[in-house]
Structure formats: structure tokens, C-alpha cells
N, C-alpha and C. Protein backbone atom coordinates (compact mmCIF):
# COMPACT_ATOMS: atom_id res chain seq x y z
N MET A 1 -16.65 -2.90 -20.04
CA MET A 1 -15.70 -2.86 -18.94
C MET A 1 -15.36 -4.29 -18.53
N ASP A 2 -14.09 -4.58 -18.43
CA ASP A 2 -13.60 -5.90 -18.09
C ASP A 2 -13.50 -6.03 -16.57
N LEU A 3 -14.28 -6.93 -16.00
CA LEU A 3 -14.29 -7.09 -14.55
C LEU A 3 -13.77 -8.48 -14.14
N LYS A 4 -12.73 -8.97 -14.79
CA LYS A 4 -12.18 -10.27 -14.44
C LYS A 4 -11.40 -10.15 -13.14
N PRO A 5 -11.64 -11.06 -12.20
CA PRO A 5 -10.97 -10.96 -10.90
C PRO A 5 -9.46 -11.12 -11.00
N GLY A 6 -8.78 -10.26 -10.27
CA GLY A 6 -7.34 -10.36 -10.15
C GLY A 6 -6.54 -9.81 -11.32
N ILE A 7 -7.21 -9.37 -12.38
CA ILE A 7 -6.49 -8.86 -13.55
C ILE A 7 -6.60 -7.35 -13.58
N GLN A 8 -5.47 -6.70 -13.51
CA GLN A 8 -5.44 -5.24 -13.58
C GLN A 8 -4.46 -4.83 -14.67
N ASN A 9 -4.80 -3.76 -15.35
CA ASN A 9 -3.89 -3.21 -16.35
C ASN A 9 -3.32 -1.91 -15.80
N ASN A 10 -2.58 -2.00 -14.70
CA ASN A 10 -2.01 -0.85 -14.03
C ASN A 10 -0.50 -0.99 -13.96
N PRO A 11 0.17 -0.94 -15.12
CA PRO A 11 1.62 -1.10 -15.06
C PRO A 11 2.27 0.08 -14.36
N PHE A 12 3.38 -0.21 -13.72
CA PHE A 12 4.14 0.84 -13.06
C PHE A 12 4.70 1.77 -14.12
N PRO A 13 4.60 3.08 -13.94
CA PRO A 13 5.06 4.00 -14.97
C PRO A 13 6.59 4.02 -15.08
N GLY A 14 7.07 3.97 -16.28
CA GLY A 14 8.51 4.05 -16.50
C GLY A 14 9.02 2.88 -17.31
N GLU A 15 10.31 2.87 -17.51
CA GLU A 15 10.97 1.83 -18.28
C GLU A 15 12.12 1.25 -17.46
N VAL A 16 12.33 -0.05 -17.60
CA VAL A 16 13.46 -0.69 -16.95
C VAL A 16 14.59 -0.76 -17.97
N GLN A 17 15.70 -0.12 -17.66
CA GLN A 17 16.89 -0.14 -18.50
C GLN A 17 17.80 -1.26 -18.02
N PRO A 18 18.07 -2.25 -18.88
CA PRO A 18 18.90 -3.38 -18.43
C PRO A 18 20.34 -2.95 -18.17
N THR A 19 20.90 -3.52 -17.13
CA THR A 19 22.32 -3.32 -16.78
C THR A 19 22.91 -4.69 -16.49
N PRO A 20 24.23 -4.79 -16.42
CA PRO A 20 24.84 -6.10 -16.13
C PRO A 20 24.41 -6.68 -14.78
N SER A 21 24.10 -5.84 -13.83
CA SER A 21 23.74 -6.35 -12.50
C SER A 21 22.23 -6.37 -12.25
N GLY A 22 21.43 -6.21 -13.26
CA GLY A 22 19.98 -6.21 -13.07
C GLY A 22 19.32 -5.19 -13.96
N GLY A 23 18.71 -4.17 -13.37
CA GLY A 23 18.05 -3.15 -14.16
C GLY A 23 17.87 -1.88 -13.36
N ILE A 24 17.70 -0.80 -14.09
CA ILE A 24 17.45 0.51 -13.48
C ILE A 24 16.12 1.01 -14.00
N LEU A 25 15.27 1.43 -13.10
CA LEU A 25 13.98 1.98 -13.48
C LEU A 25 14.13 3.47 -13.74
N VAL A 26 13.70 3.91 -14.92
CA VAL A 26 13.76 5.32 -15.28
C VAL A 26 12.33 5.82 -15.42
N THR A 27 11.98 6.85 -14.63
CA THR A 27 10.62 7.39 -14.65
C THR A 27 10.64 8.81 -14.10
N ALA A 28 9.50 9.45 -14.16
CA ALA A 28 9.34 10.79 -13.58
C ALA A 28 8.64 10.64 -12.22
N ILE A 29 9.06 11.42 -11.25
CA ILE A 29 8.49 11.31 -9.90
C ILE A 29 7.00 11.65 -9.90
N ASP A 30 6.56 12.58 -10.75
CA ASP A 30 5.13 12.91 -10.82
C ASP A 30 4.32 11.71 -11.30
N ASP A 31 4.85 10.95 -12.24
CA ASP A 31 4.16 9.76 -12.73
C ASP A 31 4.02 8.71 -11.62
N VAL A 32 5.06 8.55 -10.82
CA VAL A 32 5.01 7.59 -9.71
C VAL A 32 4.00 8.04 -8.66
N ILE A 33 3.98 9.32 -8.36
CA ILE A 33 3.03 9.84 -7.36
C ILE A 33 1.59 9.66 -7.85
N ASN A 34 1.32 10.01 -9.10
CA ASN A 34 -0.03 9.83 -9.65
C ASN A 34 -0.43 8.37 -9.72
N TRP A 35 0.51 7.49 -10.07
CA TRP A 35 0.25 6.07 -10.10
C TRP A 35 -0.12 5.55 -8.71
N ALA A 36 0.67 5.92 -7.71
CA ALA A 36 0.41 5.48 -6.34
C ALA A 36 -0.89 6.04 -5.81
N ARG A 37 -1.15 7.31 -6.08
CA ARG A 37 -2.37 7.96 -5.61
C ARG A 37 -3.60 7.31 -6.24
N SER A 38 -3.54 6.99 -7.53
CA SER A 38 -4.69 6.43 -8.22
C SER A 38 -4.98 4.99 -7.80
N ASN A 39 -3.96 4.26 -7.40
CA ASN A 39 -4.15 2.86 -7.04
C ASN A 39 -4.37 2.63 -5.55
N SER A 40 -4.54 3.68 -4.79
CA SER A 40 -4.79 3.52 -3.35
C SER A 40 -5.85 4.51 -2.87
N LEU A 41 -6.95 4.60 -3.60
CA LEU A 41 -8.04 5.48 -3.16
C LEU A 41 -8.78 4.82 -2.00
N TRP A 42 -8.91 5.55 -0.91
CA TRP A 42 -9.64 5.06 0.25
C TRP A 42 -10.95 5.82 0.36
N PRO A 43 -12.07 5.13 0.14
CA PRO A 43 -13.36 5.83 0.15
C PRO A 43 -13.91 6.05 1.56
N LEU A 44 -14.58 7.18 1.70
CA LEU A 44 -15.40 7.49 2.86
C LEU A 44 -16.83 7.40 2.37
N VAL A 45 -17.61 6.51 2.94
CA VAL A 45 -18.96 6.30 2.43
C VAL A 45 -19.94 7.19 3.19
N PHE A 46 -20.83 7.82 2.43
CA PHE A 46 -21.86 8.68 2.98
C PHE A 46 -23.18 8.22 2.39
N GLY A 47 -23.65 7.07 2.86
CA GLY A 47 -24.87 6.46 2.32
C GLY A 47 -26.07 6.83 3.15
N THR A 48 -27.08 7.38 2.50
CA THR A 48 -28.25 7.84 3.23
C THR A 48 -29.55 7.16 2.81
N SER A 49 -29.57 6.47 1.68
CA SER A 49 -30.82 5.81 1.26
C SER A 49 -30.52 4.63 0.36
N CYS A 50 -31.41 4.31 -0.57
CA CYS A 50 -31.31 3.08 -1.35
C CYS A 50 -30.02 2.96 -2.15
N CYS A 51 -29.41 4.05 -2.57
CA CYS A 51 -28.13 3.98 -3.29
C CYS A 51 -27.05 3.37 -2.41
N ALA A 52 -27.17 3.51 -1.12
CA ALA A 52 -26.16 2.96 -0.20
C ALA A 52 -26.14 1.43 -0.27
N ILE A 53 -27.28 0.80 -0.52
CA ILE A 53 -27.33 -0.66 -0.65
C ILE A 53 -26.52 -1.09 -1.88
N GLU A 54 -26.68 -0.37 -2.98
CA GLU A 54 -25.91 -0.67 -4.19
C GLU A 54 -24.42 -0.42 -3.96
N MET A 55 -24.10 0.64 -3.22
CA MET A 55 -22.71 0.94 -2.91
C MET A 55 -22.11 -0.18 -2.05
N MET A 56 -22.86 -0.68 -1.08
CA MET A 56 -22.37 -1.77 -0.23
C MET A 56 -22.13 -3.04 -1.05
N SER A 57 -23.01 -3.30 -2.02
CA SER A 57 -22.83 -4.51 -2.82
C SER A 57 -21.60 -4.41 -3.73
N THR A 58 -21.14 -3.20 -4.02
CA THR A 58 -19.93 -3.03 -4.83
C THR A 58 -18.71 -3.56 -4.08
N ALA A 59 -18.74 -3.55 -2.78
CA ALA A 59 -17.63 -4.07 -1.98
C ALA A 59 -17.80 -5.56 -1.68
N SER A 60 -18.91 -6.15 -2.10
CA SER A 60 -19.16 -7.57 -1.81
C SER A 60 -18.31 -8.47 -2.70
N ALA A 61 -18.41 -9.75 -2.49
CA ALA A 61 -17.58 -10.72 -3.21
C ALA A 61 -17.84 -10.72 -4.70
N LYS A 62 -19.06 -10.43 -5.12
CA LYS A 62 -19.39 -10.48 -6.55
C LYS A 62 -18.66 -9.40 -7.34
N TYR A 63 -18.59 -8.18 -6.81
CA TYR A 63 -17.96 -7.07 -7.52
C TYR A 63 -16.57 -6.75 -6.98
N ASP A 64 -16.38 -6.84 -5.68
CA ASP A 64 -15.09 -6.76 -5.00
C ASP A 64 -14.22 -5.60 -5.47
N TRP A 65 -14.59 -4.40 -5.01
CA TRP A 65 -13.85 -3.22 -5.46
C TRP A 65 -12.42 -3.19 -4.94
N SER A 66 -12.08 -4.06 -4.00
CA SER A 66 -10.71 -4.07 -3.48
C SER A 66 -9.70 -4.50 -4.54
N ARG A 67 -10.12 -5.27 -5.54
CA ARG A 67 -9.17 -5.68 -6.58
C ARG A 67 -8.80 -4.54 -7.52
N PHE A 68 -9.51 -3.42 -7.42
CA PHE A 68 -9.22 -2.27 -8.24
C PHE A 68 -8.47 -1.18 -7.48
N GLY A 69 -8.16 -1.40 -6.21
CA GLY A 69 -7.38 -0.44 -5.44
C GLY A 69 -8.21 0.41 -4.50
N PHE A 70 -9.45 0.02 -4.23
CA PHE A 70 -10.31 0.76 -3.30
C PHE A 70 -10.50 -0.09 -2.05
N GLU A 71 -9.40 -0.61 -1.57
CA GLU A 71 -9.39 -1.65 -0.55
C GLU A 71 -10.07 -1.25 0.75
N VAL A 72 -9.69 -0.15 1.32
CA VAL A 72 -10.06 0.15 2.69
C VAL A 72 -11.12 1.24 2.72
N THR A 73 -12.30 0.89 3.20
CA THR A 73 -13.33 1.89 3.41
C THR A 73 -13.09 2.52 4.77
N ARG A 74 -12.95 3.81 4.80
CA ARG A 74 -12.60 4.50 6.04
C ARG A 74 -13.86 5.01 6.74
N ALA A 75 -13.79 5.04 8.04
CA ALA A 75 -14.88 5.57 8.85
C ALA A 75 -14.57 6.98 9.32
N THR A 76 -13.40 7.48 9.01
CA THR A 76 -13.01 8.82 9.41
C THR A 76 -12.56 9.60 8.19
N PRO A 77 -12.97 10.86 8.06
CA PRO A 77 -12.58 11.64 6.88
C PRO A 77 -11.09 11.97 6.83
N ARG A 78 -10.40 11.90 7.94
CA ARG A 78 -8.99 12.25 7.96
C ARG A 78 -8.11 11.21 7.27
N GLN A 79 -8.68 10.03 7.00
CA GLN A 79 -7.93 8.97 6.35
C GLN A 79 -8.47 8.63 4.97
N ALA A 80 -9.43 9.41 4.46
CA ALA A 80 -10.08 9.09 3.19
C ALA A 80 -9.61 10.02 2.08
N ASP A 81 -9.64 9.48 0.85
CA ASP A 81 -9.28 10.25 -0.34
C ASP A 81 -10.49 10.67 -1.15
N VAL A 82 -11.52 9.83 -1.15
CA VAL A 82 -12.71 10.07 -1.97
C VAL A 82 -13.95 9.81 -1.12
N ILE A 83 -14.90 10.72 -1.19
CA ILE A 83 -16.16 10.53 -0.48
C ILE A 83 -17.22 10.16 -1.51
N ILE A 84 -17.95 9.08 -1.22
CA ILE A 84 -19.01 8.62 -2.10
C ILE A 84 -20.34 8.98 -1.44
N ILE A 85 -21.06 9.91 -2.06
CA ILE A 85 -22.36 10.34 -1.53
C ILE A 85 -23.40 9.49 -2.24
N ALA A 86 -24.08 8.63 -1.50
CA ALA A 86 -25.05 7.71 -2.08
C ALA A 86 -26.40 7.94 -1.43
N GLY A 87 -27.21 8.79 -2.05
CA GLY A 87 -28.57 8.98 -1.55
C GLY A 87 -28.94 10.43 -1.34
N THR A 88 -30.10 10.61 -0.77
CA THR A 88 -30.70 11.92 -0.58
C THR A 88 -29.94 12.72 0.48
N ILE A 89 -29.78 14.01 0.22
CA ILE A 89 -29.19 14.92 1.19
C ILE A 89 -30.27 15.92 1.59
N VAL A 90 -30.56 15.99 2.87
CA VAL A 90 -31.55 16.95 3.36
C VAL A 90 -30.82 18.15 3.96
N ASN A 91 -31.55 19.23 4.15
CA ASN A 91 -30.95 20.47 4.63
C ASN A 91 -30.25 20.31 5.98
N LYS A 92 -30.81 19.51 6.87
CA LYS A 92 -30.18 19.30 8.18
C LYS A 92 -28.90 18.49 8.09
N MET A 93 -28.76 17.69 7.03
CA MET A 93 -27.59 16.86 6.86
C MET A 93 -26.47 17.58 6.12
N ALA A 94 -26.78 18.61 5.37
CA ALA A 94 -25.80 19.32 4.54
C ALA A 94 -24.61 19.86 5.34
N PRO A 95 -24.82 20.49 6.51
CA PRO A 95 -23.65 20.96 7.27
C PRO A 95 -22.72 19.82 7.72
N ALA A 96 -23.28 18.66 8.03
CA ALA A 96 -22.44 17.51 8.42
C ALA A 96 -21.63 17.01 7.23
N LEU A 97 -22.24 16.98 6.05
CA LEU A 97 -21.52 16.59 4.84
C LEU A 97 -20.39 17.57 4.55
N LYS A 98 -20.66 18.86 4.67
CA LYS A 98 -19.64 19.89 4.44
C LYS A 98 -18.50 19.75 5.44
N ARG A 99 -18.82 19.45 6.70
CA ARG A 99 -17.79 19.29 7.73
C ARG A 99 -16.90 18.08 7.42
N LEU A 100 -17.52 16.96 7.00
CA LEU A 100 -16.73 15.78 6.64
C LEU A 100 -15.81 16.08 5.47
N TYR A 101 -16.33 16.79 4.47
CA TYR A 101 -15.52 17.16 3.30
C TYR A 101 -14.35 18.05 3.72
N ASP A 102 -14.61 19.02 4.58
CA ASP A 102 -13.55 19.93 5.03
C ASP A 102 -12.47 19.21 5.84
N GLN A 103 -12.82 18.12 6.52
CA GLN A 103 -11.86 17.39 7.33
C GLN A 103 -10.98 16.45 6.51
N MET A 104 -11.36 16.20 5.27
CA MET A 104 -10.55 15.33 4.41
C MET A 104 -9.28 16.07 3.96
N ALA A 105 -8.20 15.34 3.88
CA ALA A 105 -6.93 15.93 3.44
C ALA A 105 -6.92 16.05 1.92
N ASP A 106 -6.15 17.02 1.42
CA ASP A 106 -6.01 17.18 -0.04
C ASP A 106 -4.96 16.21 -0.54
N PRO A 107 -5.08 15.70 -1.74
CA PRO A 107 -6.16 15.87 -2.69
C PRO A 107 -7.35 14.99 -2.30
N LYS A 108 -8.53 15.52 -2.47
CA LYS A 108 -9.75 14.79 -2.13
C LYS A 108 -10.70 14.85 -3.32
N TYR A 109 -11.49 13.81 -3.46
CA TYR A 109 -12.39 13.68 -4.59
C TYR A 109 -13.78 13.34 -4.09
N VAL A 110 -14.80 13.70 -4.88
CA VAL A 110 -16.19 13.48 -4.49
C VAL A 110 -16.92 12.79 -5.62
N ILE A 111 -17.66 11.73 -5.28
CA ILE A 111 -18.51 11.03 -6.23
C ILE A 111 -19.95 11.15 -5.73
N ALA A 112 -20.83 11.69 -6.59
CA ALA A 112 -22.26 11.76 -6.28
C ALA A 112 -22.93 10.60 -6.98
N MET A 113 -23.52 9.71 -6.21
CA MET A 113 -24.07 8.47 -6.75
C MET A 113 -25.58 8.49 -6.66
N GLY A 114 -26.24 8.43 -7.80
CA GLY A 114 -27.69 8.33 -7.85
C GLY A 114 -28.38 9.66 -8.08
N ALA A 115 -29.63 9.56 -8.50
CA ALA A 115 -30.41 10.75 -8.86
C ALA A 115 -30.60 11.69 -7.67
N CYS A 116 -30.75 11.17 -6.49
CA CYS A 116 -30.97 12.03 -5.32
C CYS A 116 -29.72 12.83 -4.97
N ALA A 117 -28.56 12.19 -5.05
CA ALA A 117 -27.31 12.90 -4.74
C ALA A 117 -26.95 13.89 -5.84
N ILE A 118 -27.36 13.61 -7.08
CA ILE A 118 -27.03 14.48 -8.20
C ILE A 118 -27.95 15.68 -8.28
N SER A 119 -29.27 15.43 -8.16
CA SER A 119 -30.22 16.51 -8.42
C SER A 119 -31.37 16.59 -7.42
N GLY A 120 -31.32 15.86 -6.35
CA GLY A 120 -32.43 15.84 -5.40
C GLY A 120 -33.43 14.76 -5.70
N GLY A 121 -33.34 14.16 -6.88
CA GLY A 121 -34.21 13.05 -7.27
C GLY A 121 -35.67 13.43 -7.28
N PRO A 122 -36.53 12.45 -7.12
CA PRO A 122 -37.97 12.73 -7.15
C PRO A 122 -38.46 13.46 -5.90
N PHE A 123 -37.63 13.50 -4.87
CA PHE A 123 -38.05 14.09 -3.60
C PHE A 123 -37.90 15.61 -3.57
N PHE A 124 -37.05 16.15 -4.44
CA PHE A 124 -36.80 17.59 -4.41
C PHE A 124 -38.06 18.40 -4.68
N TYR A 125 -38.91 17.92 -5.58
CA TYR A 125 -40.09 18.69 -5.97
C TYR A 125 -41.26 18.52 -5.00
N ASN A 126 -41.19 17.51 -4.13
CA ASN A 126 -42.31 17.23 -3.23
C ASN A 126 -42.08 17.70 -1.80
N THR A 127 -40.90 18.19 -1.49
CA THR A 127 -40.62 18.61 -0.12
C THR A 127 -39.62 19.76 -0.11
N TYR A 128 -39.68 20.54 0.93
CA TYR A 128 -38.81 21.70 1.06
C TYR A 128 -37.45 21.33 1.65
N SER A 129 -37.32 20.16 2.23
CA SER A 129 -36.13 19.85 3.02
C SER A 129 -35.01 19.17 2.25
N VAL A 130 -35.20 18.84 0.98
CA VAL A 130 -34.19 18.12 0.21
C VAL A 130 -33.32 19.09 -0.57
N VAL A 131 -32.00 18.88 -0.48
CA VAL A 131 -31.04 19.69 -1.22
C VAL A 131 -31.08 19.26 -2.68
N LYS A 132 -30.97 20.19 -3.60
CA LYS A 132 -31.11 19.90 -5.02
C LYS A 132 -29.89 19.20 -5.61
N GLY A 133 -28.98 18.78 -4.86
CA GLY A 133 -27.81 18.04 -5.34
C GLY A 133 -26.61 18.30 -4.44
N ALA A 134 -25.71 17.34 -4.42
CA ALA A 134 -24.53 17.45 -3.57
C ALA A 134 -23.65 18.62 -3.98
N ASP A 135 -23.69 19.00 -5.26
CA ASP A 135 -22.85 20.11 -5.71
C ASP A 135 -23.33 21.47 -5.21
N HIS A 136 -24.47 21.52 -4.53
CA HIS A 136 -24.90 22.74 -3.85
C HIS A 136 -24.26 22.86 -2.47
N VAL A 137 -23.62 21.77 -2.01
CA VAL A 137 -22.99 21.74 -0.69
C VAL A 137 -21.47 21.67 -0.82
N ILE A 138 -20.98 20.75 -1.63
CA ILE A 138 -19.54 20.56 -1.86
C ILE A 138 -19.31 20.34 -3.35
N PRO A 139 -18.09 20.59 -3.84
CA PRO A 139 -17.82 20.37 -5.27
C PRO A 139 -17.76 18.87 -5.59
N VAL A 140 -18.43 18.48 -6.67
CA VAL A 140 -18.49 17.07 -7.08
C VAL A 140 -17.56 16.86 -8.27
N ASP A 141 -16.80 15.77 -8.23
CA ASP A 141 -15.87 15.44 -9.30
C ASP A 141 -16.46 14.47 -10.32
N VAL A 142 -17.20 13.46 -9.85
CA VAL A 142 -17.76 12.44 -10.74
C VAL A 142 -19.22 12.20 -10.37
N TYR A 143 -20.06 12.11 -11.40
CA TYR A 143 -21.49 11.84 -11.21
C TYR A 143 -21.79 10.43 -11.71
N VAL A 144 -22.59 9.67 -10.94
CA VAL A 144 -23.01 8.33 -11.33
C VAL A 144 -24.53 8.36 -11.45
N ALA A 145 -25.02 8.30 -12.68
CA ALA A 145 -26.45 8.40 -12.92
C ALA A 145 -27.16 7.10 -12.60
N GLY A 146 -28.44 7.21 -12.29
CA GLY A 146 -29.28 6.04 -12.03
C GLY A 146 -30.11 6.23 -10.79
N CYS A 147 -31.13 5.38 -10.67
CA CYS A 147 -32.00 5.45 -9.50
C CYS A 147 -32.44 4.03 -9.12
N PRO A 148 -31.71 3.37 -8.30
CA PRO A 148 -30.31 3.58 -7.93
C PRO A 148 -29.39 3.04 -9.01
N PRO A 149 -28.19 3.57 -9.11
CA PRO A 149 -27.24 3.05 -10.09
C PRO A 149 -26.74 1.67 -9.69
N ARG A 150 -26.43 0.87 -10.68
CA ARG A 150 -25.93 -0.48 -10.44
C ARG A 150 -24.49 -0.43 -9.89
N PRO A 151 -24.07 -1.46 -9.21
CA PRO A 151 -22.69 -1.51 -8.71
C PRO A 151 -21.65 -1.35 -9.82
N GLU A 152 -21.95 -1.86 -11.02
CA GLU A 152 -21.02 -1.72 -12.13
C GLU A 152 -20.80 -0.26 -12.48
N ALA A 153 -21.85 0.56 -12.35
CA ALA A 153 -21.72 1.99 -12.65
C ALA A 153 -20.80 2.67 -11.64
N LEU A 154 -20.91 2.30 -10.37
CA LEU A 154 -20.01 2.88 -9.36
C LEU A 154 -18.57 2.44 -9.60
N LEU A 155 -18.37 1.15 -9.92
CA LEU A 155 -17.03 0.68 -10.23
C LEU A 155 -16.46 1.42 -11.44
N ASN A 156 -17.29 1.62 -12.45
CA ASN A 156 -16.84 2.35 -13.64
C ASN A 156 -16.43 3.77 -13.29
N SER A 157 -17.19 4.42 -12.41
CA SER A 157 -16.85 5.79 -12.04
C SER A 157 -15.55 5.84 -11.23
N LEU A 158 -15.34 4.87 -10.35
CA LEU A 158 -14.10 4.81 -9.58
C LEU A 158 -12.90 4.54 -10.49
N ILE A 159 -13.06 3.65 -11.46
CA ILE A 159 -11.98 3.36 -12.40
C ILE A 159 -11.70 4.57 -13.28
N THR A 160 -12.76 5.28 -13.69
CA THR A 160 -12.59 6.51 -14.47
C THR A 160 -11.84 7.56 -13.66
N LEU A 161 -12.19 7.71 -12.39
CA LEU A 161 -11.48 8.64 -11.51
C LEU A 161 -10.01 8.23 -11.39
N GLN A 162 -9.74 6.93 -11.26
CA GLN A 162 -8.37 6.45 -11.20
C GLN A 162 -7.58 6.84 -12.45
N LYS A 163 -8.18 6.65 -13.62
CA LYS A 163 -7.49 6.97 -14.87
C LYS A 163 -7.18 8.46 -14.96
N LYS A 164 -8.10 9.29 -14.51
CA LYS A 164 -7.90 10.74 -14.57
C LYS A 164 -6.79 11.17 -13.61
N ILE A 165 -6.74 10.57 -12.44
CA ILE A 165 -5.68 10.88 -11.47
C ILE A 165 -4.34 10.41 -12.02
N LYS A 166 -4.32 9.20 -12.61
CA LYS A 166 -3.09 8.65 -13.16
C LYS A 166 -2.56 9.50 -14.31
N ALA A 167 -3.47 10.13 -15.06
CA ALA A 167 -3.08 10.99 -16.17
C ALA A 167 -2.54 12.33 -15.69
N GLY A 168 -2.62 12.59 -14.39
CA GLY A 168 -2.09 13.83 -13.83
C GLY A 168 -3.07 14.99 -13.87
N MET A 169 -4.36 14.70 -14.07
CA MET A 169 -5.35 15.77 -14.11
C MET A 169 -5.55 16.36 -12.72
N THR A 170 -5.76 17.67 -12.67
CA THR A 170 -6.05 18.33 -11.40
C THR A 170 -7.52 18.16 -11.06
N ARG A 171 -7.88 18.48 -9.84
CA ARG A 171 -9.29 18.37 -9.43
C ARG A 171 -10.18 19.25 -10.28
N GLU A 172 -9.70 20.44 -10.62
CA GLU A 172 -10.49 21.36 -11.43
C GLU A 172 -10.72 20.78 -12.82
N GLN A 173 -9.70 20.16 -13.41
CA GLN A 173 -9.85 19.55 -14.73
C GLN A 173 -10.82 18.38 -14.68
N ILE A 174 -10.74 17.56 -13.64
CA ILE A 174 -11.65 16.42 -13.48
C ILE A 174 -13.08 16.93 -13.33
N ARG A 175 -13.27 17.93 -12.48
CA ARG A 175 -14.61 18.48 -12.24
C ARG A 175 -15.20 19.09 -13.50
N ASN A 176 -14.40 19.87 -14.23
CA ASN A 176 -14.89 20.50 -15.46
C ASN A 176 -15.23 19.45 -16.53
N GLU A 177 -14.42 18.42 -16.63
CA GLU A 177 -14.69 17.37 -17.60
C GLU A 177 -15.98 16.62 -17.24
N SER A 178 -16.21 16.36 -15.94
CA SER A 178 -17.44 15.68 -15.51
C SER A 178 -18.66 16.53 -15.79
N LYS A 179 -18.57 17.82 -15.57
CA LYS A 179 -19.71 18.70 -15.85
C LYS A 179 -20.01 18.75 -17.34
N ASN A 180 -18.96 18.74 -18.18
CA ASN A 180 -19.17 18.76 -19.62
C ASN A 180 -19.77 17.46 -20.13
N GLU A 181 -19.43 16.32 -19.48
CA GLU A 181 -19.98 15.04 -19.89
C GLU A 181 -21.46 14.91 -19.55
N THR A 182 -21.91 15.57 -18.48
CA THR A 182 -23.31 15.46 -18.07
C THR A 182 -24.22 16.37 -18.85
N LYS A 183 -23.65 17.33 -19.59
CA LYS A 183 -24.50 18.24 -20.38
C LYS A 183 -24.96 17.62 -21.65
């Protein structure tokens, strides 16, 4: 994965047809919508444990996820496109996570980051209060493996989500593809 600062390979979809007075852009409106949607994902962070530290470092100067189009981290679900679940989910927290997910506008995407968010991690087998994964509460679109996963892994998952949105994939197609990749 190429992480050079300031360099993006996100050309605007379409072709410029030259005319005597300049140019005319010819494209499909669906391509423009998918391009705009993929390049302006606003994350809602749901960090509950050690994975949240790695998620925070992804926004730091070293990794700087804003250069990839994840500029604004939102504190309210009504303004977010993607929720990043980073850490353990306990039974008392599950209804709050579900409420935040329900308050997000469509289209909305979910990233489960780390072993605890994916499968309950090492805590699921030692206690009754840990949920066995975020997908038992809300539908997950992208899984980021690791304990805790590195910031590069989160950036890779966000870029992968961007590519799938840009390709015009529906949430169901993205979710099914992610489940098939984890098997």
C-alpha cells in the first residue's frame, strides 16, 4: 500500500471532450455520486479499549487519514457515514451501539476493528458480559483483524471501503464480500 503524503489516485470519473471554448465533461451521474461519496467518508468513532489508541494514531500526523478523504471525525451519528468499532463490546453497551447505528443516515457503513470487536477476543470465553462480535448487534461491512490492529490495517480497510463504494457496490455486496474474505 502506497502511503505517500498528498498523493491520491482518485481521478474524477468521466472524460473531458475538448471544444473550441474549453471542454465538456461527459460522465454518468451515478459515477459522480459514488466518487463523491467514497472521497468524503466521515467516521464516527466508537473506541472502547486498546484498539481505540491505534485508531487515534491513524488520524495523527504520521498516518494522517485526512489525506485519504476521512477528514472529519464526527461526534454525532447524524453526520457520520461510517462507524468504526474499536474494542470490546459488552452487553450493557450493545443497546447504545445499536442506537448510534440506527441514528446514522443511509448509506452507512460499519468497520469492526480488532479481535474484540470481531469475535469478542480473549474476553468472550472468560466472562458472560462480552458480546461475541459487533455483527451480533449491527451488520458489519469490513473487518480489520489484529489485536490490536496496526494503523496501516485500518487505513487499508478504509481505502478498501472507498474502492468498493466507488465501484458502485451496495452495502449487501460489500458485506457479503467481507464475509467471504474472512472465511
